[in-house]
Amino acid sequence: MVPKRWARRAVTRNAIKRQIYNVSERFCDRLPVAAHVVRLRATFDRQQFISATSEPLKLAVRQELEQLFERATRSEVRP
């Protein structure tokens, strides 16, 4: 979920969703078959990320998602 209050522009929300789909596909074999919810909980500052499809924004989103999915796969391994 990418709420409008954290990512005002639709192009930014859509770019973030595409990143979620791409990263989650790489982790799908390590996660249990279930519905997983990824929710944006903080804003991506428009002063820092001027363009909605900029490489710095894509990199920041990808890194955060990879950390999130790594943590999720580690917690699934524990009995």
PDB file of N, CA and C in Angstrom:
ATOM      1  N   MET A   1       0.841  -1.164   0.000  1.00  0.00           N
ATOM      2  CA  MET A   1       0.000   0.000   0.000  1.00  0.00           C
ATOM      3  C   MET A   1       0.889   1.230   0.000  1.00  0.00           C
ATOM      4  N   VAL A   2       0.584   2.121  -0.869  1.00  0.00           N
ATOM      5  CA  VAL A   2       1.330   3.370  -0.951  1.00  0.00           C
ATOM      6  C   VAL A   2       0.325   4.510  -0.809  1.00  0.00           C
ATOM      7  N   PRO A   3       0.090   4.969   0.430  1.00  0.00           N
ATOM      8  CA  PRO A   3      -0.916   6.002   0.643  1.00  0.00           C
ATOM      9  C   PRO A   3      -0.529   7.340   0.018  1.00  0.00           C
ATOM     10  N   LYS A   4      -1.537   8.062  -0.355  1.00  0.00           N
ATOM     11  CA  LYS A   4      -1.341   9.359  -0.980  1.00  0.00           C
ATOM     12  C   LYS A   4      -0.660  10.352  -0.032  1.00  0.00           C
ATOM     13  N   ARG A   5      -0.867  10.197   1.246  1.00  0.00           N
ATOM     14  CA  ARG A   5      -0.259  11.161   2.167  1.00  0.00           C
ATOM     15  C   ARG A   5       1.252  11.007   2.261  1.00  0.00           C
ATOM     16  N   TRP A   6       1.796   9.830   1.911  1.00  0.00           N
ATOM     17  CA  TRP A   6       3.244   9.627   1.951  1.00  0.00           C
ATOM     18  C   TRP A   6       3.898   9.801   0.595  1.00  0.00           C
ATOM     19  N   ALA A   7       3.161   9.591  -0.477  1.00  0.00           N
ATOM     20  CA  ALA A   7       3.680   9.799  -1.840  1.00  0.00           C
ATOM     21  C   ALA A   7       2.577  10.504  -2.618  1.00  0.00           C
ATOM     22  N   ARG A   8       2.655  11.810  -2.678  1.00  0.00           N
ATOM     23  CA  ARG A   8       1.572  12.623  -3.239  1.00  0.00           C
ATOM     24  C   ARG A   8       1.305  12.356  -4.715  1.00  0.00           C
ATOM     25  N   ARG A   9       2.357  12.243  -5.491  1.00  0.00           N
ATOM     26  CA  ARG A   9       2.182  12.109  -6.943  1.00  0.00           C
ATOM     27  C   ARG A   9       1.923  10.658  -7.339  1.00  0.00           C
ATOM     28  N   ALA A  10       0.967  10.473  -8.228  1.00  0.00           N
ATOM     29  CA  ALA A  10       0.617   9.123  -8.686  1.00  0.00           C
ATOM     30  C   ALA A  10       1.808   8.447  -9.348  1.00  0.00           C
ATOM     31  N   VAL A  11       2.606   9.199 -10.059  1.00  0.00           N
ATOM     32  CA  VAL A  11       3.763   8.604 -10.728  1.00  0.00           C
ATOM     33  C   VAL A  11       4.753   8.056  -9.695  1.00  0.00           C
ATOM     34  N   THR A  12       4.875   8.726  -8.556  1.00  0.00           N
ATOM     35  CA  THR A  12       5.749   8.233  -7.488  1.00  0.00           C
ATOM     36  C   THR A  12       5.172   6.968  -6.877  1.00  0.00           C
ATOM     37  N   ARG A  13       3.885   6.967  -6.590  1.00  0.00           N
ATOM     38  CA  ARG A  13       3.251   5.777  -6.022  1.00  0.00           C
ATOM     39  C   ARG A  13       3.385   4.584  -6.961  1.00  0.00           C
ATOM     40  N   ASN A  14       3.178   4.812  -8.234  1.00  0.00           N
ATOM     41  CA  ASN A  14       3.287   3.716  -9.206  1.00  0.00           C
ATOM     42  C   ASN A  14       4.721   3.213  -9.331  1.00  0.00           C
ATOM     43  N   ALA A  15       5.694   4.112  -9.281  1.00  0.00           N
ATOM     44  CA  ALA A  15       7.096   3.699  -9.346  1.00  0.00           C
ATOM     45  C   ALA A  15       7.462   2.855  -8.126  1.00  0.00           C
ATOM     46  N   ILE A  16       6.960   3.244  -6.960  1.00  0.00           N
ATOM     47  CA  ILE A  16       7.227   2.481  -5.738  1.00  0.00           C
ATOM     48  C   ILE A  16       6.569   1.107  -5.826  1.00  0.00           C
ATOM     49  N   LYS A  17       5.352   1.053  -6.331  1.00  0.00           N
ATOM     50  CA  LYS A  17       4.662  -0.243  -6.480  1.00  0.00           C
ATOM     51  C   LYS A  17       5.422  -1.161  -7.433  1.00  0.00           C
ATOM     52  N   ARG A  18       5.939  -0.613  -8.522  1.00  0.00           N
ATOM     53  CA  ARG A  18       6.723  -1.438  -9.461  1.00  0.00           C
ATOM     54  C   ARG A  18       7.955  -2.002  -8.771  1.00  0.00           C
ATOM     55  N   GLN A  19       8.594  -1.190  -7.931  1.00  0.00           N
ATOM     56  CA  GLN A  19       9.759  -1.670  -7.191  1.00  0.00           C
ATOM     57  C   GLN A  19       9.357  -2.800  -6.233  1.00  0.00           C
ATOM     58  N   ILE A  20       8.210  -2.646  -5.597  1.00  0.00           N
ATOM     59  CA  ILE A  20       7.730  -3.696  -4.689  1.00  0.00           C
ATOM     60  C   ILE A  20       7.530  -4.993  -5.451  1.00  0.00           C
ATOM     61  N   TYR A  21       6.889  -4.924  -6.608  1.00  0.00           N
ATOM     62  CA  TYR A  21       6.640  -6.128  -7.412  1.00  0.00           C
ATOM     63  C   TYR A  21       7.950  -6.765  -7.858  1.00  0.00           C
ATOM     64  N   ASN A  22       8.904  -5.964  -8.306  1.00  0.00           N
ATOM     65  CA  ASN A  22      10.179  -6.506  -8.787  1.00  0.00           C
ATOM     66  C   ASN A  22      10.984  -7.166  -7.677  1.00  0.00           C
ATOM     67  N   VAL A  23      11.090  -6.502  -6.546  1.00  0.00           N
ATOM     68  CA  VAL A  23      11.889  -7.067  -5.447  1.00  0.00           C
ATOM     69  C   VAL A  23      11.194  -8.290  -4.854  1.00  0.00           C
ATOM     70  N   SER A  24       9.879  -8.216  -4.693  1.00  0.00           N
ATOM     71  CA  SER A  24       9.171  -9.355  -4.100  1.00  0.00           C
ATOM     72  C   SER A  24       9.253 -10.597  -4.983  1.00  0.00           C
ATOM     73  N   GLU A  25       9.335 -10.412  -6.276  1.00  0.00           N
ATOM     74  CA  GLU A  25       9.451 -11.560  -7.177  1.00  0.00           C
ATOM     75  C   GLU A  25      10.757 -12.316  -6.944  1.00  0.00           C
ATOM     76  N   ARG A  26      11.829 -11.588  -6.611  1.00  0.00           N
ATOM     77  CA  ARG A  26      13.113 -12.246  -6.339  1.00  0.00           C
ATOM     78  C   ARG A  26      13.085 -13.034  -5.032  1.00  0.00           C
ATOM     79  N   PHE A  27      12.219 -12.664  -4.110  1.00  0.00           N
ATOM     80  CA  PHE A  27      12.150 -13.321  -2.805  1.00  0.00           C
ATOM     81  C   PHE A  27      11.017 -14.328  -2.714  1.00  0.00           C
ATOM     82  N   CYS A  28      10.228 -14.490  -3.748  1.00  0.00           N
ATOM     83  CA  CYS A  28       9.023 -15.317  -3.666  1.00  0.00           C
ATOM     84  C   CYS A  28       9.328 -16.779  -3.335  1.00  0.00           C
ATOM     85  N   ASP A  29      10.468 -17.290  -3.760  1.00  0.00           N
ATOM     86  CA  ASP A  29      10.788 -18.693  -3.464  1.00  0.00           C
ATOM     87  C   ASP A  29      11.203 -18.898  -2.012  1.00  0.00           C
ATOM     88  N   ARG A  30      11.587 -17.833  -1.308  1.00  0.00           N
ATOM     89  CA  ARG A  30      12.003 -17.950   0.093  1.00  0.00           C
ATOM     90  C   ARG A  30      10.904 -17.578   1.076  1.00  0.00           C
ATOM     91  N   LEU A  31       9.803 -17.045   0.589  1.00  0.00           N
ATOM     92  CA  LEU A  31       8.690 -16.666   1.459  1.00  0.00           C
ATOM     93  C   LEU A  31       7.577 -17.697   1.354  1.00  0.00           C
ATOM     94  N   PRO A  32       6.818 -17.876   2.412  1.00  0.00           N
ATOM     95  CA  PRO A  32       5.700 -18.830   2.338  1.00  0.00           C
ATOM     96  C   PRO A  32       4.625 -18.317   1.378  1.00  0.00           C
ATOM     97  N   VAL A  33       3.870 -19.240   0.846  1.00  0.00           N
ATOM     98  CA  VAL A  33       2.770 -18.865  -0.041  1.00  0.00           C
ATOM     99  C   VAL A  33       1.684 -18.240   0.821  1.00  0.00           C
ATOM    100  N   ALA A  34       1.518 -16.945   0.652  1.00  0.00           N
ATOM    101  CA  ALA A  34       0.539 -16.188   1.438  1.00  0.00           C
ATOM    102  C   ALA A  34       0.397 -14.811   0.822  1.00  0.00           C
ATOM    103  N   ALA A  35      -0.554 -14.074   1.294  1.00  0.00           N
ATOM    104  CA  ALA A  35      -0.704 -12.684   0.880  1.00  0.00           C
ATOM    105  C   ALA A  35       0.198 -11.836   1.770  1.00  0.00           C
ATOM    106  N   HIS A  36       1.108 -11.116   1.167  1.00  0.00           N
ATOM    107  CA  HIS A  36       2.035 -10.259   1.907  1.00  0.00           C
ATOM    108  C   HIS A  36       1.675  -8.808   1.622  1.00  0.00           C
ATOM    109  N   VAL A  37       1.677  -8.006   2.658  1.00  0.00           N
ATOM    110  CA  VAL A  37       1.345  -6.591   2.524  1.00  0.00           C
ATOM    111  C   VAL A  37       2.598  -5.767   2.790  1.00  0.00           C
ATOM    112  N   VAL A  38       2.912  -4.900   1.870  1.00  0.00           N
ATOM    113  CA  VAL A  38       4.003  -3.952   2.037  1.00  0.00           C
ATOM    114  C   VAL A  38       3.351  -2.579   2.096  1.00  0.00           C
ATOM    115  N   ARG A  39       3.600  -1.880   3.183  1.00  0.00           N
ATOM    116  CA  ARG A  39       2.933  -0.596   3.394  1.00  0.00           C
ATOM    117  C   ARG A  39       3.963   0.492   3.603  1.00  0.00           C
ATOM    118  N   LEU A  40       3.851   1.545   2.835  1.00  0.00           N
ATOM    119  CA  LEU A  40       4.723   2.704   2.998  1.00  0.00           C
ATOM    120  C   LEU A  40       4.301   3.436   4.266  1.00  0.00           C
ATOM    121  N   ARG A  41       5.258   3.658   5.173  1.00  0.00           N
ATOM    122  CA  ARG A  41       4.923   4.258   6.465  1.00  0.00           C
ATOM    123  C   ARG A  41       5.559   5.618   6.671  1.00  0.00           C
ATOM    124  N   ALA A  42       6.354   6.060   5.742  1.00  0.00           N
ATOM    125  CA  ALA A  42       6.988   7.373   5.854  1.00  0.00           C
ATOM    126  C   ALA A  42       7.113   7.974   4.460  1.00  0.00           C
ATOM    127  N   THR A  43       7.237   9.254   4.433  1.00  0.00           N
ATOM    128  CA  THR A  43       7.297   9.954   3.152  1.00  0.00           C
ATOM    129  C   THR A  43       8.680   9.864   2.517  1.00  0.00           C
ATOM    130  N   PHE A  44       8.699   9.948   1.212  1.00  0.00           N
ATOM    131  CA  PHE A  44       9.942  10.144   0.481  1.00  0.00           C
ATOM    132  C   PHE A  44       9.984  11.628   0.151  1.00  0.00           C
ATOM    133  N   ASP A  45      10.889  12.340   0.768  1.00  0.00           N
ATOM    134  CA  ASP A  45      10.951  13.784   0.699  1.00  0.00           C
ATOM    135  C   ASP A  45      11.124  14.284  -0.739  1.00  0.00           C
ATOM    136  N   ARG A  46      10.216  15.154  -1.163  1.00  0.00           N
ATOM    137  CA  ARG A  46      10.277  15.705  -2.520  1.00  0.00           C
ATOM    138  C   ARG A  46      11.465  16.625  -2.709  1.00  0.00           C
ATOM    139  N   GLN A  47      12.007  17.164  -1.622  1.00  0.00           N
ATOM    140  CA  GLN A  47      13.205  17.999  -1.722  1.00  0.00           C
ATOM    141  C   GLN A  47      14.429  17.146  -2.060  1.00  0.00           C
ATOM    142  N   GLN A  48      14.464  15.949  -1.505  1.00  0.00           N
ATOM    143  CA  GLN A  48      15.597  15.052  -1.752  1.00  0.00           C
ATOM    144  C   GLN A  48      15.424  14.290  -3.059  1.00  0.00           C
ATOM    145  N   PHE A  49      14.211  13.850  -3.348  1.00  0.00           N
ATOM    146  CA  PHE A  49      13.923  13.078  -4.555  1.00  0.00           C
ATOM    147  C   PHE A  49      13.018  13.924  -5.452  1.00  0.00           C
ATOM    148  N   ILE A  50      13.624  14.785  -6.235  1.00  0.00           N
ATOM    149  CA  ILE A  50      12.877  15.754  -7.035  1.00  0.00           C
ATOM    150  C   ILE A  50      12.039  15.073  -8.100  1.00  0.00           C
ATOM    151  N   SER A  51      12.621  14.139  -8.807  1.00  0.00           N
ATOM    152  CA  SER A  51      11.897  13.431  -9.857  1.00  0.00           C
ATOM    153  C   SER A  51      11.295  12.147  -9.302  1.00  0.00           C
ATOM    154  N   ALA A  52      10.070  11.879  -9.696  1.00  0.00           N
ATOM    155  CA  ALA A  52       9.376  10.687  -9.199  1.00  0.00           C
ATOM    156  C   ALA A  52      10.001   9.397  -9.710  1.00  0.00           C
ATOM    157  N   THR A  53      10.690   9.460 -10.814  1.00  0.00           N
ATOM    158  CA  THR A  53      11.304   8.253 -11.377  1.00  0.00           C
ATOM    159  C   THR A  53      12.828   8.366 -11.401  1.00  0.00           C
ATOM    160  N   SER A  54      13.389   9.143 -10.497  1.00  0.00           N
ATOM    161  CA  SER A  54      14.834   9.338 -10.460  1.00  0.00           C
ATOM    162  C   SER A  54      15.542   8.082  -9.972  1.00  0.00           C
ATOM    163  N   GLU A  55      16.770   7.941 -10.379  1.00  0.00           N
ATOM    164  CA  GLU A  55      17.577   6.798  -9.942  1.00  0.00           C
ATOM    165  C   GLU A  55      17.805   6.805  -8.434  1.00  0.00           C
ATOM    166  N   PRO A  56      18.060   7.976  -7.815  1.00  0.00           N
ATOM    167  CA  PRO A  56      18.219   7.952  -6.349  1.00  0.00           C
ATOM    168  C   PRO A  56      16.970   7.442  -5.625  1.00  0.00           C
ATOM    169  N   LEU A  57      15.783   7.804  -6.100  1.00  0.00           N
ATOM    170  CA  LEU A  57      14.552   7.316  -5.482  1.00  0.00           C
ATOM    171  C   LEU A  57      14.419   5.812  -5.676  1.00  0.00           C
ATOM    172  N   LYS A  58      14.669   5.344  -6.886  1.00  0.00           N
ATOM    173  CA  LYS A  58      14.584   3.909  -7.155  1.00  0.00           C
ATOM    174  C   LYS A  58      15.553   3.128  -6.279  1.00  0.00           C
ATOM    175  N   LEU A  59      16.757   3.650  -6.144  1.00  0.00           N
ATOM    176  CA  LEU A  59      17.774   2.980  -5.325  1.00  0.00           C
ATOM    177  C   LEU A  59      17.365   2.960  -3.853  1.00  0.00           C
ATOM    178  N   ALA A  60      16.871   4.069  -3.349  1.00  0.00           N
ATOM    179  CA  ALA A  60      16.447   4.138  -1.940  1.00  0.00           C
ATOM    180  C   ALA A  60      15.301   3.169  -1.668  1.00  0.00           C
ATOM    181  N   VAL A  61      14.335   3.119  -2.565  1.00  0.00           N
ATOM    182  CA  VAL A  61      13.195   2.213  -2.395  1.00  0.00           C
ATOM    183  C   VAL A  61      13.661   0.767  -2.474  1.00  0.00           C
ATOM    184  N   ARG A  62      14.486   0.465  -3.461  1.00  0.00           N
ATOM    185  CA  ARG A  62      14.969  -0.910  -3.630  1.00  0.00           C
ATOM    186  C   ARG A  62      15.754  -1.379  -2.410  1.00  0.00           C
ATOM    187  N   GLN A  63      16.634  -0.536  -1.881  1.00  0.00           N
ATOM    188  CA  GLN A  63      17.425  -0.924  -0.716  1.00  0.00           C
ATOM    189  C   GLN A  63      16.543  -1.184   0.497  1.00  0.00           C
ATOM    190  N   GLU A  64      15.566  -0.314   0.699  1.00  0.00           N
ATOM    191  CA  GLU A  64      14.668  -0.504   1.835  1.00  0.00           C
ATOM    192  C   GLU A  64      13.840  -1.780   1.681  1.00  0.00           C
ATOM    193  N   LEU A  65      13.377  -2.052   0.468  1.00  0.00           N
ATOM    194  CA  LEU A  65      12.591  -3.261   0.224  1.00  0.00           C
ATOM    195  C   LEU A  65      13.428  -4.521   0.404  1.00  0.00           C
ATOM    196  N   GLU A  66      14.665  -4.485  -0.077  1.00  0.00           N
ATOM    197  CA  GLU A  66      15.529  -5.650   0.079  1.00  0.00           C
ATOM    198  C   GLU A  66      15.787  -5.943   1.554  1.00  0.00           C
ATOM    199  N   GLN A  67      15.994  -4.911   2.357  1.00  0.00           N
ATOM    200  CA  GLN A  67      16.173  -5.111   3.795  1.00  0.00           C
ATOM    201  C   GLN A  67      14.911  -5.703   4.417  1.00  0.00           C
ATOM    202  N   LEU A  68      13.777  -5.191   4.012  1.00  0.00           N
ATOM    203  CA  LEU A  68      12.501  -5.673   4.540  1.00  0.00           C
ATOM    204  C   LEU A  68      12.281  -7.142   4.205  1.00  0.00           C
ATOM    205  N   PHE A  69      12.502  -7.512   2.947  1.00  0.00           N
ATOM    206  CA  PHE A  69      12.282  -8.895   2.540  1.00  0.00           C
ATOM    207  C   PHE A  69      13.332  -9.829   3.132  1.00  0.00           C
ATOM    208  N   GLU A  70      14.565  -9.369   3.281  1.00  0.00           N
ATOM    209  CA  GLU A  70      15.591 -10.184   3.949  1.00  0.00           C
ATOM    210  C   GLU A  70      15.172 -10.481   5.380  1.00  0.00           C
ATOM    211  N   ARG A  71      14.689  -9.466   6.073  1.00  0.00           N
ATOM    212  CA  ARG A  71      14.240  -9.647   7.456  1.00  0.00           C
ATOM    213  C   ARG A  71      13.055 -10.603   7.506  1.00  0.00           C
ATOM    214  N   ALA A  72      12.148 -10.491   6.539  1.00  0.00           N
ATOM    215  CA  ALA A  72      10.978 -11.377   6.502  1.00  0.00           C
ATOM    216  C   ALA A  72      11.395 -12.825   6.246  1.00  0.00           C
ATOM    217  N   THR A  73      12.365 -13.050   5.378  1.00  0.00           N
ATOM    218  CA  THR A  73      12.792 -14.421   5.099  1.00  0.00           C
ATOM    219  C   THR A  73      13.533 -15.012   6.290  1.00  0.00           C
ATOM    220  N   ARG A  74      14.286 -14.202   7.017  1.00  0.00           N
ATOM    221  CA  ARG A  74      14.976 -14.699   8.209  1.00  0.00           C
ATOM    222  C   ARG A  74      13.997 -15.067   9.307  1.00  0.00           C
ATOM    223  N   SER A  75      12.943 -14.275   9.458  1.00  0.00           N
ATOM    224  CA  SER A  75      11.983 -14.586  10.515  1.00  0.00           C
ATOM    225  C   SER A  75      11.158 -15.825  10.183  1.00  0.00           C
ATOM    226  N   GLU A  76      11.033 -16.165   8.919  1.00  0.00           N
ATOM    227  CA  GLU A  76      10.292 -17.359   8.515  1.00  0.00           C
ATOM    228  C   GLU A  76      11.087 -18.627   8.759  1.00  0.00           C
ATOM    229  N   VAL A  77      12.400 -18.540   8.825  1.00  0.00           N
ATOM    230  CA  VAL A  77      13.239 -19.719   8.985  1.00  0.00           C
ATOM    231  C   VAL A  77      13.170 -20.246  10.419  1.00  0.00           C
ATOM    232  N   ARG A  78      12.978 -19.355  11.391  1.00  0.00           N
ATOM    233  CA  ARG A  78      12.933 -19.778  12.796  1.00  0.00           C
ATOM    234  C   ARG A  78      11.754 -20.684  13.069  1.00  0.00           C
ATOM    235  N   PRO A  79      11.968 -21.714  13.920  1.00  0.00           N
ATOM    236  CA  PRO A  79      10.855 -22.612  14.267  1.00  0.00           C
ATOM    237  C   PRO A  79       9.892 -21.978  15.236  1.00  0.00           C
TER     238      PRO A  79
END
